[in-house]
């Protein structure tokens, strides 16, 4: 029998001048445990709802919040909205302040890892540690991010028209039917301009310059398969970070929890101080 769901509710908060949507899992049990809250920051085309299967596991141990990054899911989007990394980092800091979180950890995947790094470099009050899971290490003078923008844009345009399960499988051939259906349902909520801006910023924003400013412990999680973070990148980041740990998840590509959820959770357990099995 499956354990009971840890999902509590979805809600909106006005923070950093915009409407930010989030999903909450775990709640009071996590608070009573005395552990820090966890804020999950998804990647470039991952609305919060697509991280529900991950948040369910976090919710067993932590008061957990999954954020819709601006321009995704149910958070604010619009032609005049600033989709820069700086704006996303400011959103994250304002989000935790608006909710009154006393102590919390960031867990960011891909673009979410870069947002967590930039936000942590500003030393927000209450932040205890951060996890950056397979963050793009591209930037000025560095090798480009090993994905192509049309992969994102073409799938979003299809989703806006209505995309079938088989059409979505072309983009994500290893995903389960449940994962594909959820992505097909929610991908249309990703603002194309937000995605293009974020993708182009992978090449222009220098998150390596943020790393020496971070004073809390950092866990860099990398995927065994894929080419986003190489061994040489791990060593460089180690040299730039004050309190550094790293873990490599076997059998996983860039979308780590989709490929190996148990490995993803096991890799975080010691760092976050809880059994996430």
Protein backbone atom coordinates (compact mmCIF):
# COMPACT_ATOMS: atom_id res chain seq x y z
CA UNK A 1 0.00 0.00 0.00
CA UNK A 2 1.28 3.46 -0.90
CA UNK A 3 1.92 5.87 1.99
CA UNK A 4 -0.60 8.70 2.37
CA UNK A 5 0.02 11.80 0.28
CA UNK A 6 1.95 14.63 1.93
CA UNK A 7 0.39 17.23 -0.37
CA UNK A 8 -1.37 20.03 1.53
CA UNK A 9 -2.36 22.81 -0.87
CA UNK A 10 -1.40 25.20 -3.63
CA UNK A 11 -1.37 28.94 -3.02
CA UNK A 12 -0.21 32.33 -4.25
CA UNK A 13 1.82 35.02 -2.52
CA UNK A 14 2.67 38.54 -3.66
CA UNK A 15 6.44 38.85 -3.36
CA UNK A 16 9.06 40.91 -5.23
CA UNK A 17 6.23 42.74 -6.93
CA UNK A 18 4.69 39.72 -8.66
CA UNK A 19 2.27 36.86 -7.99
CA UNK A 20 4.23 33.73 -7.08
CA UNK A 21 2.50 30.36 -7.01
CA UNK A 22 3.69 27.42 -4.94
CA UNK A 23 2.68 23.96 -3.78
CA UNK A 24 3.11 22.92 -0.15
CA UNK A 25 3.84 19.43 1.12
CA UNK A 26 4.48 18.02 4.59
CA UNK A 27 3.55 21.06 6.60
CA UNK A 28 3.27 20.82 10.37
CA UNK A 29 5.01 17.43 10.73
CA UNK A 30 8.10 18.91 9.10
CA UNK A 31 7.89 21.98 11.30
CA UNK A 32 7.57 19.89 14.46
CA UNK A 33 10.58 17.81 13.46
CA UNK A 34 12.79 20.85 14.00
CA UNK A 35 14.29 20.47 10.52
CA UNK A 36 14.71 23.39 8.18
CA UNK A 37 12.02 23.88 5.54
CA UNK A 38 12.93 22.94 1.95
CA UNK A 39 12.23 25.15 -1.06
CA UNK A 40 12.34 23.26 -4.37
CA UNK A 41 13.21 25.35 -7.45
CA UNK A 42 12.51 23.50 -10.72
CA UNK A 43 14.28 23.83 -14.06
CA UNK A 44 13.63 25.85 -17.17
CA UNK A 45 10.42 24.19 -18.40
CA UNK A 46 9.23 22.43 -15.25
CA UNK A 47 6.16 23.93 -13.56
CA UNK A 48 5.90 23.13 -9.85
CA UNK A 49 3.24 20.47 -10.39
CA UNK A 50 5.68 18.33 -12.40
CA UNK A 51 7.85 18.06 -9.28
CA UNK A 52 5.01 16.70 -7.18
CA UNK A 53 6.40 13.15 -7.14
CA UNK A 54 9.65 14.52 -5.68
CA UNK A 55 7.91 16.83 -3.21
CA UNK A 56 5.82 13.93 -1.92
CA UNK A 57 9.03 12.28 -0.70
CA UNK A 58 10.39 15.49 0.83
CA UNK A 59 7.07 16.07 2.55
CA UNK A 60 7.53 12.94 4.67
CA UNK A 61 10.39 14.67 6.51
CA UNK A 62 10.29 18.38 5.70
CA UNK A 63 7.96 21.33 5.45
CA UNK A 64 8.30 21.59 1.65
CA UNK A 65 7.49 24.34 -0.86
CA UNK A 66 7.70 23.91 -4.65
CA UNK A 67 7.94 27.20 -6.47
CA UNK A 68 6.58 28.06 -9.91
CA UNK A 69 9.42 30.22 -11.26
CA UNK A 70 8.09 33.41 -12.87
CA UNK A 71 6.77 32.73 -16.36
CA UNK A 72 6.00 29.09 -15.55
CA UNK A 73 2.98 27.27 -14.17
CA UNK A 74 0.59 29.55 -12.28
CA UNK A 75 3.08 32.27 -11.34
CA UNK A 76 2.89 35.65 -13.03
CA UNK A 77 3.91 35.97 -16.68
CA UNK A 78 3.63 38.77 -19.21
CA UNK A 79 5.21 40.69 -22.04
CA UNK A 80 6.76 43.29 -19.76
CA UNK A 81 8.03 40.94 -17.06
CA UNK A 82 11.76 40.72 -16.33
CA UNK A 83 12.87 37.10 -16.83
CA UNK A 84 16.51 37.58 -15.89
CA UNK A 85 18.42 35.43 -13.41
CA UNK A 86 18.67 38.42 -11.07
CA UNK A 87 14.89 38.79 -11.04
CA UNK A 88 14.41 35.06 -10.42
CA UNK A 89 16.89 35.14 -7.52
CA UNK A 90 15.14 38.18 -6.04
CA UNK A 91 11.84 36.31 -6.33
CA UNK A 92 13.23 33.38 -4.36
CA UNK A 93 14.52 35.59 -1.56
CA UNK A 94 11.26 37.55 -1.39
CA UNK A 95 9.25 34.31 -1.44
CA UNK A 96 10.85 32.94 1.74
CA UNK A 97 10.50 36.32 3.41
CA UNK A 98 6.82 36.63 2.49
CA UNK A 99 6.12 33.19 3.97
CA UNK A 100 8.11 34.00 7.11
CA UNK A 101 10.37 30.95 6.86
CA UNK A 102 12.87 31.15 9.72
CA UNK A 103 15.32 28.51 8.43
CA UNK A 104 15.24 26.81 5.07
CA UNK A 105 17.32 25.09 2.40
CA UNK A 106 17.23 25.63 -1.35
CA UNK A 107 17.11 22.54 -3.58
CA UNK A 108 17.36 23.69 -7.20
CA UNK A 109 17.52 21.57 -10.33
CA UNK A 110 19.20 22.73 -13.55
CA UNK A 111 18.15 26.39 -14.00
CA UNK A 112 16.76 26.18 -10.47
CA UNK A 113 20.27 25.38 -9.27
CA UNK A 114 21.58 28.57 -10.88
CA UNK A 115 18.76 30.56 -9.27
CA UNK A 116 19.66 29.04 -5.90
CA UNK A 117 23.33 29.92 -6.36
CA UNK A 118 22.61 33.53 -7.33
CA UNK A 119 20.13 33.96 -4.46
CA UNK A 120 22.50 32.35 -1.92
CA UNK A 121 25.29 34.70 -2.97
CA UNK A 122 23.17 37.55 -1.61
CA UNK A 123 23.21 35.95 1.87
CA UNK A 124 19.47 35.87 2.55
CA UNK A 125 18.58 35.58 6.22
CA UNK A 126 17.54 32.09 7.32
CA UNK A 127 19.20 30.16 4.49
CA UNK A 128 21.01 27.13 5.94
CA UNK A 129 22.33 25.25 2.88
CA UNK A 130 21.79 24.79 -0.83
CA UNK A 131 21.66 21.90 -3.28
CA UNK A 132 22.42 22.58 -6.94
CA UNK A 133 21.41 19.52 -8.97
CA UNK A 134 23.12 19.39 -12.39
CA UNK A 135 23.14 23.18 -12.88
CA UNK A 136 24.29 24.48 -16.28
CA UNK A 137 27.94 25.52 -15.89
CA UNK A 138 27.96 27.51 -19.10
CA UNK A 139 28.69 31.22 -19.06
CA UNK A 140 30.96 33.88 -20.54
CA UNK A 141 33.99 32.22 -22.13
CA UNK A 142 32.75 28.72 -21.24
CA UNK A 143 31.46 25.84 -23.33
CA UNK A 144 27.77 26.22 -24.24
CA UNK A 145 24.98 24.43 -22.47
CA UNK A 146 24.65 21.03 -24.22
CA UNK A 147 20.99 21.38 -25.22
CA UNK A 148 19.37 23.17 -28.13
CA UNK A 149 16.81 25.94 -27.78
CA UNK A 150 14.45 24.53 -30.46
CA UNK A 151 13.89 21.45 -28.26
CA UNK A 152 12.20 23.72 -25.73
CA UNK A 153 10.48 26.16 -28.08
CA UNK A 154 9.08 23.56 -30.48
CA UNK A 155 7.61 21.47 -27.67
CA UNK A 156 6.03 24.54 -26.02
CA UNK A 157 4.43 25.62 -29.29
CA UNK A 158 3.01 22.13 -29.80
CA UNK A 159 1.74 22.11 -26.23
CA UNK A 160 -0.04 25.44 -26.76
CA UNK A 161 -1.97 23.87 -29.65
CA UNK A 162 -2.55 20.61 -27.74
CA UNK A 163 0.09 17.88 -27.77
CA UNK A 164 -0.59 14.14 -27.73
CA UNK A 165 1.17 11.61 -25.56
CA UNK A 166 3.04 10.19 -28.55
CA UNK A 167 4.12 13.64 -29.68
CA UNK A 168 5.45 14.40 -26.20
CA UNK A 169 7.29 11.07 -26.12
CA UNK A 170 9.41 12.29 -29.06
CA UNK A 171 10.88 14.93 -26.72
CA UNK A 172 11.13 12.73 -23.61
CA UNK A 173 11.45 9.13 -24.85
CA UNK A 174 12.49 7.58 -21.51
CA UNK A 175 9.72 9.07 -19.38
CA UNK A 176 6.78 7.10 -18.01
CA UNK A 177 3.28 7.62 -19.37
CA UNK A 178 2.28 9.45 -16.19
CA UNK A 179 5.24 11.83 -16.47
CA UNK A 180 4.53 12.48 -20.14
CA UNK A 181 0.85 13.20 -19.53
CA UNK A 182 1.67 15.71 -16.80
CA UNK A 183 4.21 17.50 -18.97
CA UNK A 184 1.80 17.54 -21.91
CA UNK A 185 -0.87 19.05 -19.65
CA UNK A 186 1.29 21.81 -18.14
CA UNK A 187 4.01 22.71 -20.65
CA UNK A 188 1.77 25.30 -22.33
CA UNK A 189 2.00 27.39 -19.12
CA UNK A 190 5.68 28.11 -19.83
CA UNK A 191 5.98 31.57 -21.38
CA UNK A 192 8.10 31.19 -24.51
CA UNK A 193 9.89 34.49 -23.89
CA UNK A 194 10.74 33.37 -20.35
CA UNK A 195 12.26 30.17 -21.69
CA UNK A 196 14.27 31.89 -24.43
CA UNK A 197 15.54 34.54 -21.99
CA UNK A 198 16.60 31.93 -19.44
CA UNK A 199 18.25 29.73 -22.07
CA UNK A 200 20.23 32.62 -23.52
CA UNK A 201 21.23 33.65 -19.99
CA UNK A 202 22.89 30.24 -19.55
CA UNK A 203 25.56 31.60 -21.88
CA UNK A 204 25.84 35.12 -20.43
CA UNK A 205 25.36 34.86 -16.65
CA UNK A 206 28.47 34.00 -14.66
CA UNK A 207 27.29 31.96 -11.67
CA UNK A 208 30.88 30.91 -10.96
CA UNK A 209 31.46 34.46 -9.72
CA UNK A 210 28.65 33.94 -7.19
CA UNK A 211 30.13 30.81 -5.61
CA UNK A 212 32.84 32.45 -3.43
CA UNK A 213 30.17 34.73 -1.92
CA UNK A 214 28.12 31.80 -0.56
CA UNK A 215 28.69 31.25 3.16
CA UNK A 216 26.40 28.22 3.70
CA UNK A 217 27.22 24.59 2.79
CA UNK A 218 26.75 23.69 -0.88
CA UNK A 219 25.99 20.25 -2.33
CA UNK A 220 26.64 19.85 -6.04
CA UNK A 221 24.69 16.89 -7.40
CA UNK A 222 25.63 15.62 -10.85
CA UNK A 223 24.22 13.05 -13.26
CA UNK A 224 26.26 10.04 -14.30
CA UNK A 225 24.91 10.31 -17.84
CA UNK A 226 24.80 13.49 -19.83
CA UNK A 227 27.22 16.32 -20.36
CA UNK A 228 25.95 19.20 -18.24
CA UNK A 229 28.50 18.97 -15.40
CA UNK A 230 31.83 17.25 -16.08
CA UNK A 231 34.45 16.08 -13.58
CA UNK A 232 36.61 19.13 -14.35
CA UNK A 233 33.62 21.38 -13.58
CA UNK A 234 33.17 19.69 -10.21
CA UNK A 235 36.79 20.38 -9.33
CA UNK A 236 36.55 24.01 -10.39
CA UNK A 237 33.41 24.56 -8.32
CA UNK A 238 35.05 22.84 -5.37
CA UNK A 239 37.87 25.38 -5.54
CA UNK A 240 35.44 28.31 -5.59
CA UNK A 241 33.20 27.19 -2.74
CA UNK A 242 33.90 27.48 0.99
CA UNK A 243 31.92 24.48 2.27
CA UNK A 244 31.50 21.99 -0.56
CA UNK A 245 30.19 18.45 -0.99
CA UNK A 246 29.39 16.54 -4.16
CA UNK A 247 27.49 13.42 -5.12
CA UNK A 248 27.04 11.68 -8.48
CA UNK A 249 23.78 9.84 -9.15
CA UNK A 250 24.24 6.56 -10.98
CA UNK A 251 22.11 5.73 -13.98
CA UNK A 252 20.69 9.23 -14.28
CA UNK A 253 20.72 11.76 -17.05
CA UNK A 254 20.14 15.47 -16.57
CA UNK A 255 16.55 14.96 -15.34
CA UNK A 256 17.93 13.13 -12.32
CA UNK A 257 14.81 12.32 -10.25
CA UNK A 258 12.93 11.21 -13.37
CA UNK A 259 15.69 8.69 -14.12
CA UNK A 260 16.60 7.60 -10.58
CA UNK A 261 14.37 9.00 -7.85
CA UNK A 262 15.80 6.74 -5.15
CA UNK A 263 19.35 7.75 -6.11
CA UNK A 264 18.37 11.42 -6.07
CA UNK A 265 16.91 11.10 -2.58
CA UNK A 266 19.79 9.01 -1.26
CA UNK A 267 22.25 11.60 -2.53
CA UNK A 268 20.48 14.32 -0.54
CA UNK A 269 19.82 12.41 2.67
CA UNK A 270 23.12 12.95 4.48
CA UNK A 271 23.42 16.57 3.42
CA UNK A 272 19.90 17.47 4.54
CA UNK A 273 20.03 15.25 7.62
CA UNK A 274 16.99 13.05 7.01
CA UNK A 275 16.12 9.66 5.56
CA UNK A 276 14.42 10.40 2.25
CA UNK A 277 13.91 6.78 1.14
